[in-house]
């Protein structure tokens, strides 16, 4: 029961509490009202707690925008050394690019990352979102401008010019983006981030746990998110759709979604079979396999090998 309650959305919990009101005695209703008032008062206190004044934030944002402009204009850049590595053999040589941060770009970017998280913690989501948008679009020039490609955030991390947890940064980015977008735009805007490599490792439900405030409007978001992914083809889209449906509706919902979207996302059948395999429900696996064979276009091929010997 405890796990089921934790899995419910805010809207569903509110509906359950409202329905329970008719089952409670007058004394029980009074106790519930006290509990609700206590939670509301605590939440209001949290909202009133401000760690950074707006004046301080504006001052820091002015500094950050100056650095952003210097990087965008190529005034701040990385020095580069390129050479061929023959350490293995002459015929198996590699082209090596070493980056040198002689102008402190890494320190500036890490300062931006830390300040953006401070903004999230202080519920200054617009400032945080502005920083995150720029960071993921950032393109750092090199002294060999016409010979070496610009460097993005992921490459800065790969070459140890910055030291940060990119996956946590990506989750905070999604959280801040969710907070500033209009409800009807959230799913589409968040989806755009999944073209970036780091985001492809994320589980969208983890986005709801990284900030201090509970996200509002999650019911509509999940509906919009699932509806959007149904129209998008690709392995990443199938993975996100599978996780979203499984999180919201369980295995039965996943099977229904596979039936509904077998032309775009046939791999959902495999995902459902794998979930049943975890429970050792082999009869269900066989049933889904038969449905997949019946419904999937014969031009499409899907492999069942490796799942309980079904092929």
Foldseek 3Di string as FASTA:
>chain_A
DVVVVVLDDPVVVVVVVVVCVVVDDPVVVVVVVVVVVVVVVVVVVLLPDADDDPVRVVVVLVVLVVLLVCQVVQVQAWEKDWDWAQPPHPVDIDIDIATHRPPLPQVSLVVLLVVLVVCLQRVVLVSSLVSLVCQQVGWGAYPPRVPDGTDHNVRCVVNPSYPDDVLLSLLSNLLSLLVPDDLVCNLVVNVVVCVDPSCLVDQNVVSQPNGPDGRPPVVSNLVNNLVVLLVDADPSSLVNNLSSQCSPPNLVSLLVVCLVRVARRVCSLVVSLVVVLVVVVVVVNVVSVVVSVVRHDPVDDDDNPPRVRDD
